[in-house]
Amino acid sequence: MAEGAEEVTHDERPRRNNAAIRSQVVGILAGIVRWVGLFFAVILVLHVILTVGGANPNNGITTFVRDWADTVAMGFKDLFLESDLKLRTLINYGIAAIFWLIVSSVAARLIRRLG
């Protein structure tokens, strides 16, 4: 062997591969968390748009979006009991959408840091 050349042992290669695989898995997991939070926020915003826009509440699409929005809004859907339905929906579901964006962003950062 030439002077100054480093000998690569078999133990070093798997460590690099394991670190790369771990980094990739952590990145994918963080991405999934962000996309799920974004999906929930989009559902909530769609519900706000349909409600404020006066969509037919008996329409299949409106019902589908409302059911999903009620599920992901958790405790926010009755946080403020405004008498105007449109304003109540805008405030409560809007806060829930912001919540999901913030929580998914923080969770993704934590996953990346801890991973």
N, C-alpha and C. Protein backbone atom coordinates (compact mmCIF):
# COMPACT_ATOMS: atom_id res chain seq x y z
N MET A 1 0.82 -1.19 0.00
CA MET A 1 0.00 0.00 0.00
C MET A 1 0.87 1.25 0.00
N ALA A 2 0.37 2.30 -0.63
CA ALA A 2 1.12 3.54 -0.70
C ALA A 2 1.06 4.26 0.63
N GLU A 3 2.12 5.05 0.88
CA GLU A 3 2.14 5.80 2.12
C GLU A 3 1.04 6.85 2.12
N GLY A 4 0.43 7.08 3.25
CA GLY A 4 -0.62 8.09 3.37
C GLY A 4 -2.00 7.59 2.98
N ALA A 5 -2.06 6.46 2.34
CA ALA A 5 -3.36 5.92 1.94
C ALA A 5 -4.00 5.28 3.17
N GLU A 6 -5.26 5.53 3.34
CA GLU A 6 -5.96 4.97 4.49
C GLU A 6 -6.61 3.65 4.10
N GLU A 7 -6.53 2.75 5.02
CA GLU A 7 -7.16 1.46 4.78
C GLU A 7 -8.58 1.52 5.31
N VAL A 8 -9.53 1.15 4.48
CA VAL A 8 -10.93 1.15 4.88
C VAL A 8 -11.27 -0.23 5.40
N THR A 9 -11.72 -0.25 6.63
CA THR A 9 -12.11 -1.54 7.19
C THR A 9 -13.56 -1.81 6.84
N HIS A 10 -13.92 -3.04 6.99
CA HIS A 10 -15.30 -3.43 6.67
C HIS A 10 -16.29 -2.86 7.68
N ASP A 11 -15.82 -2.53 8.87
CA ASP A 11 -16.71 -2.01 9.90
C ASP A 11 -17.15 -0.57 9.62
N GLU A 12 -16.35 0.20 8.89
CA GLU A 12 -16.67 1.61 8.65
C GLU A 12 -17.77 1.79 7.61
N ARG A 13 -17.78 0.96 6.61
CA ARG A 13 -18.78 1.11 5.55
C ARG A 13 -20.21 0.93 6.04
N PRO A 14 -20.51 -0.11 6.81
CA PRO A 14 -21.90 -0.26 7.27
C PRO A 14 -22.36 0.90 8.15
N ARG A 15 -21.45 1.49 8.92
CA ARG A 15 -21.84 2.62 9.76
C ARG A 15 -22.30 3.78 8.90
N ARG A 16 -21.57 4.06 7.84
CA ARG A 16 -21.96 5.15 6.95
C ARG A 16 -23.29 4.83 6.28
N ASN A 17 -23.46 3.61 5.85
CA ASN A 17 -24.72 3.22 5.22
C ASN A 17 -25.88 3.29 6.21
N ASN A 18 -25.65 2.84 7.43
CA ASN A 18 -26.71 2.90 8.44
C ASN A 18 -27.08 4.34 8.76
N ALA A 19 -26.09 5.20 8.85
CA ALA A 19 -26.36 6.61 9.12
C ALA A 19 -27.14 7.24 7.97
N ALA A 20 -26.78 6.90 6.76
CA ALA A 20 -27.48 7.44 5.59
C ALA A 20 -28.92 6.94 5.54
N ILE A 21 -29.10 5.67 5.82
CA ILE A 21 -30.45 5.09 5.82
C ILE A 21 -31.29 5.71 6.93
N ARG A 22 -30.69 5.86 8.11
CA ARG A 22 -31.41 6.47 9.23
C ARG A 22 -31.82 7.91 8.90
N SER A 23 -30.91 8.65 8.31
CA SER A 23 -31.19 10.03 7.92
C SER A 23 -32.32 10.09 6.90
N GLN A 24 -32.30 9.17 5.97
CA GLN A 24 -33.34 9.13 4.94
C GLN A 24 -34.70 8.78 5.55
N VAL A 25 -34.73 7.81 6.44
CA VAL A 25 -35.98 7.41 7.10
C VAL A 25 -36.53 8.55 7.95
N VAL A 26 -35.65 9.23 8.68
CA VAL A 26 -36.07 10.36 9.50
C VAL A 26 -36.64 11.47 8.62
N GLY A 27 -36.00 11.74 7.50
CA GLY A 27 -36.50 12.75 6.57
C GLY A 27 -37.86 12.40 6.01
N ILE A 28 -38.04 11.14 5.66
CA ILE A 28 -39.33 10.68 5.13
C ILE A 28 -40.42 10.79 6.20
N LEU A 29 -40.10 10.37 7.42
CA LEU A 29 -41.07 10.44 8.51
C LEU A 29 -41.46 11.89 8.81
N ALA A 30 -40.48 12.78 8.84
CA ALA A 30 -40.77 14.20 9.07
C ALA A 30 -41.63 14.76 7.94
N GLY A 31 -41.35 14.35 6.72
CA GLY A 31 -42.15 14.80 5.58
C GLY A 31 -43.59 14.31 5.67
N ILE A 32 -43.77 13.08 6.09
CA ILE A 32 -45.13 12.53 6.24
C ILE A 32 -45.90 13.31 7.30
N VAL A 33 -45.24 13.63 8.40
CA VAL A 33 -45.89 14.40 9.47
C VAL A 33 -46.33 15.76 8.94
N ARG A 34 -45.46 16.42 8.18
CA ARG A 34 -45.81 17.74 7.61
C ARG A 34 -46.98 17.63 6.64
N TRP A 35 -46.96 16.60 5.78
CA TRP A 35 -48.04 16.44 4.80
C TRP A 35 -49.38 16.13 5.46
N VAL A 36 -49.35 15.34 6.52
CA VAL A 36 -50.59 15.03 7.25
C VAL A 36 -51.17 16.30 7.87
N GLY A 37 -50.31 17.10 8.50
CA GLY A 37 -50.76 18.37 9.07
C GLY A 37 -51.31 19.30 8.01
N LEU A 38 -50.65 19.34 6.86
CA LEU A 38 -51.13 20.18 5.76
C LEU A 38 -52.47 19.67 5.23
N PHE A 39 -52.61 18.36 5.10
CA PHE A 39 -53.87 17.77 4.64
C PHE A 39 -55.02 18.14 5.59
N PHE A 40 -54.78 18.01 6.89
CA PHE A 40 -55.82 18.37 7.87
C PHE A 40 -56.18 19.84 7.76
N ALA A 41 -55.18 20.70 7.61
CA ALA A 41 -55.44 22.14 7.49
C ALA A 41 -56.24 22.44 6.22
N VAL A 42 -55.93 21.77 5.13
CA VAL A 42 -56.66 21.99 3.87
C VAL A 42 -58.12 21.56 4.03
N ILE A 43 -58.37 20.44 4.67
CA ILE A 43 -59.74 19.99 4.91
C ILE A 43 -60.51 21.04 5.73
N LEU A 44 -59.87 21.57 6.75
CA LEU A 44 -60.53 22.57 7.59
C LEU A 44 -60.81 23.85 6.81
N VAL A 45 -59.85 24.28 6.01
CA VAL A 45 -60.05 25.50 5.20
C VAL A 45 -61.14 25.27 4.16
N LEU A 46 -61.18 24.10 3.55
CA LEU A 46 -62.26 23.79 2.60
C LEU A 46 -63.63 23.89 3.28
N HIS A 47 -63.71 23.38 4.50
CA HIS A 47 -64.97 23.45 5.24
C HIS A 47 -65.36 24.91 5.49
N VAL A 48 -64.40 25.73 5.86
CA VAL A 48 -64.68 27.15 6.07
C VAL A 48 -65.16 27.79 4.78
N ILE A 49 -64.48 27.51 3.67
CA ILE A 49 -64.87 28.10 2.38
C ILE A 49 -66.28 27.66 1.98
N LEU A 50 -66.57 26.38 2.13
CA LEU A 50 -67.90 25.88 1.77
C LEU A 50 -68.99 26.48 2.65
N THR A 51 -68.70 26.63 3.93
CA THR A 51 -69.71 27.17 4.85
C THR A 51 -69.91 28.67 4.62
N VAL A 52 -68.82 29.41 4.57
CA VAL A 52 -68.93 30.86 4.38
C VAL A 52 -69.48 31.18 2.99
N GLY A 53 -69.14 30.35 2.02
CA GLY A 53 -69.63 30.56 0.66
C GLY A 53 -71.08 30.16 0.46
N GLY A 54 -71.67 29.52 1.45
CA GLY A 54 -73.09 29.15 1.36
C GLY A 54 -73.36 27.90 0.55
N ALA A 55 -72.44 26.95 0.57
CA ALA A 55 -72.64 25.70 -0.17
C ALA A 55 -73.83 24.92 0.40
N ASN A 56 -74.45 24.14 -0.46
CA ASN A 56 -75.59 23.31 -0.06
C ASN A 56 -75.13 22.32 1.01
N PRO A 57 -75.66 22.39 2.24
CA PRO A 57 -75.21 21.50 3.31
C PRO A 57 -75.58 20.04 3.08
N ASN A 58 -76.49 19.75 2.16
CA ASN A 58 -76.89 18.37 1.88
C ASN A 58 -76.11 17.75 0.72
N ASN A 59 -75.26 18.53 0.07
CA ASN A 59 -74.45 18.04 -1.03
C ASN A 59 -73.44 17.02 -0.50
N GLY A 60 -73.15 16.00 -1.31
CA GLY A 60 -72.24 14.94 -0.89
C GLY A 60 -70.83 15.43 -0.58
N ILE A 61 -70.32 16.34 -1.41
CA ILE A 61 -68.97 16.87 -1.19
C ILE A 61 -68.94 17.68 0.10
N THR A 62 -69.95 18.52 0.28
CA THR A 62 -70.01 19.35 1.49
C THR A 62 -70.11 18.48 2.73
N THR A 63 -70.92 17.45 2.67
CA THR A 63 -71.07 16.53 3.80
C THR A 63 -69.77 15.80 4.09
N PHE A 64 -69.10 15.33 3.04
CA PHE A 64 -67.82 14.63 3.20
C PHE A 64 -66.79 15.53 3.87
N VAL A 65 -66.66 16.76 3.37
CA VAL A 65 -65.68 17.70 3.92
C VAL A 65 -66.05 18.06 5.36
N ARG A 66 -67.33 18.29 5.63
CA ARG A 66 -67.77 18.63 6.98
C ARG A 66 -67.46 17.50 7.96
N ASP A 67 -67.73 16.26 7.56
CA ASP A 67 -67.46 15.12 8.45
C ASP A 67 -65.97 15.01 8.78
N TRP A 68 -65.12 15.16 7.76
CA TRP A 68 -63.68 15.12 8.00
C TRP A 68 -63.24 16.30 8.86
N ALA A 69 -63.77 17.48 8.57
CA ALA A 69 -63.40 18.68 9.33
C ALA A 69 -63.81 18.54 10.79
N ASP A 70 -64.99 17.99 11.04
CA ASP A 70 -65.43 17.78 12.43
C ASP A 70 -64.49 16.84 13.17
N THR A 71 -63.97 15.85 12.46
CA THR A 71 -63.06 14.89 13.08
C THR A 71 -61.72 15.53 13.42
N VAL A 72 -61.13 16.28 12.50
CA VAL A 72 -59.79 16.83 12.73
C VAL A 72 -59.81 18.15 13.49
N ALA A 73 -60.99 18.75 13.68
CA ALA A 73 -61.07 20.00 14.44
C ALA A 73 -60.93 19.76 15.94
N MET A 74 -61.11 18.53 16.36
CA MET A 74 -61.01 18.15 17.77
C MET A 74 -61.84 19.09 18.64
N GLY A 75 -61.24 19.67 19.66
CA GLY A 75 -61.98 20.52 20.59
C GLY A 75 -62.19 21.94 20.12
N PHE A 76 -61.69 22.26 18.94
CA PHE A 76 -61.79 23.62 18.44
C PHE A 76 -63.15 23.94 17.83
N LYS A 77 -63.92 22.93 17.44
CA LYS A 77 -65.15 23.21 16.68
C LYS A 77 -66.21 23.94 17.49
N ASP A 78 -66.11 23.90 18.81
CA ASP A 78 -67.05 24.66 19.64
C ASP A 78 -66.31 25.54 20.65
N LEU A 79 -65.13 25.99 20.27
CA LEU A 79 -64.33 26.84 21.15
C LEU A 79 -65.02 28.17 21.41
N PHE A 80 -65.49 28.81 20.35
CA PHE A 80 -66.24 30.05 20.46
C PHE A 80 -67.67 29.79 20.00
N LEU A 81 -68.63 30.20 20.78
CA LEU A 81 -70.04 29.94 20.48
C LEU A 81 -70.70 31.20 19.92
N GLU A 82 -70.21 31.65 18.83
CA GLU A 82 -70.73 32.82 18.12
C GLU A 82 -72.13 32.49 17.59
N SER A 83 -73.03 33.47 17.59
CA SER A 83 -74.39 33.21 17.11
C SER A 83 -74.46 33.04 15.59
N ASP A 84 -73.58 33.73 14.87
CA ASP A 84 -73.54 33.62 13.41
C ASP A 84 -72.75 32.36 13.02
N LEU A 85 -73.40 31.43 12.33
CA LEU A 85 -72.78 30.16 11.95
C LEU A 85 -71.52 30.37 11.11
N LYS A 86 -71.57 31.28 10.17
CA LYS A 86 -70.42 31.50 9.29
C LYS A 86 -69.22 32.04 10.05
N LEU A 87 -69.45 32.98 10.93
CA LEU A 87 -68.37 33.54 11.73
C LEU A 87 -67.81 32.51 12.70
N ARG A 88 -68.70 31.74 13.31
CA ARG A 88 -68.29 30.68 14.23
C ARG A 88 -67.43 29.64 13.52
N THR A 89 -67.84 29.25 12.32
CA THR A 89 -67.07 28.28 11.54
C THR A 89 -65.71 28.86 11.15
N LEU A 90 -65.70 30.10 10.71
CA LEU A 90 -64.44 30.74 10.32
C LEU A 90 -63.46 30.79 11.48
N ILE A 91 -63.93 31.21 12.64
CA ILE A 91 -63.04 31.33 13.80
C ILE A 91 -62.57 29.97 14.29
N ASN A 92 -63.51 29.08 14.59
CA ASN A 92 -63.16 27.81 15.22
C ASN A 92 -62.35 26.90 14.29
N TYR A 93 -62.79 26.73 13.07
CA TYR A 93 -62.09 25.84 12.16
C TYR A 93 -60.81 26.49 11.63
N GLY A 94 -60.80 27.82 11.57
CA GLY A 94 -59.57 28.52 11.19
C GLY A 94 -58.48 28.33 12.24
N ILE A 95 -58.86 28.43 13.51
CA ILE A 95 -57.90 28.19 14.59
C ILE A 95 -57.40 26.75 14.54
N ALA A 96 -58.29 25.81 14.27
CA ALA A 96 -57.89 24.40 14.17
C ALA A 96 -56.90 24.19 13.03
N ALA A 97 -57.11 24.86 11.89
CA ALA A 97 -56.19 24.74 10.76
C ALA A 97 -54.81 25.28 11.12
N ILE A 98 -54.79 26.43 11.78
CA ILE A 98 -53.51 27.00 12.22
C ILE A 98 -52.82 26.07 13.22
N PHE A 99 -53.61 25.49 14.12
CA PHE A 99 -53.08 24.54 15.09
C PHE A 99 -52.36 23.38 14.39
N TRP A 100 -53.02 22.78 13.39
CA TRP A 100 -52.42 21.64 12.69
C TRP A 100 -51.15 22.03 11.95
N LEU A 101 -51.13 23.22 11.36
CA LEU A 101 -49.92 23.66 10.67
C LEU A 101 -48.76 23.84 11.65
N ILE A 102 -49.04 24.44 12.79
CA ILE A 102 -47.98 24.66 13.78
C ILE A 102 -47.52 23.35 14.39
N VAL A 103 -48.45 22.51 14.81
CA VAL A 103 -48.10 21.25 15.46
C VAL A 103 -47.32 20.34 14.51
N SER A 104 -47.75 20.24 13.27
CA SER A 104 -47.03 19.36 12.33
C SER A 104 -45.64 19.92 12.02
N SER A 105 -45.51 21.23 11.96
CA SER A 105 -44.20 21.84 11.72
C SER A 105 -43.25 21.58 12.89
N VAL A 106 -43.73 21.79 14.10
CA VAL A 106 -42.90 21.55 15.29
C VAL A 106 -42.55 20.07 15.40
N ALA A 107 -43.51 19.20 15.17
CA ALA A 107 -43.26 17.75 15.26
C ALA A 107 -42.23 17.31 14.22
N ALA A 108 -42.32 17.84 13.00
CA ALA A 108 -41.36 17.48 11.96
C ALA A 108 -39.96 17.94 12.33
N ARG A 109 -39.84 19.13 12.89
CA ARG A 109 -38.53 19.62 13.33
C ARG A 109 -37.96 18.76 14.45
N LEU A 110 -38.80 18.39 15.40
CA LEU A 110 -38.34 17.52 16.48
C LEU A 110 -37.89 16.17 15.95
N ILE A 111 -38.62 15.63 15.03
CA ILE A 111 -38.24 14.34 14.44
C ILE A 111 -36.88 14.45 13.77
N ARG A 112 -36.67 15.53 13.02
CA ARG A 112 -35.38 15.71 12.35
C ARG A 112 -34.24 15.90 13.35
N ARG A 113 -34.49 16.66 14.41
CA ARG A 113 -33.45 16.89 15.41
C ARG A 113 -33.11 15.64 16.19
N LEU A 114 -34.13 14.92 16.60
CA LEU A 114 -33.90 13.73 17.42
C LEU A 114 -33.42 12.54 16.59
N GLY A 115 -33.70 12.59 15.30
CA GLY A 115 -33.32 11.49 14.41
C GLY A 115 -31.90 11.61 14.03
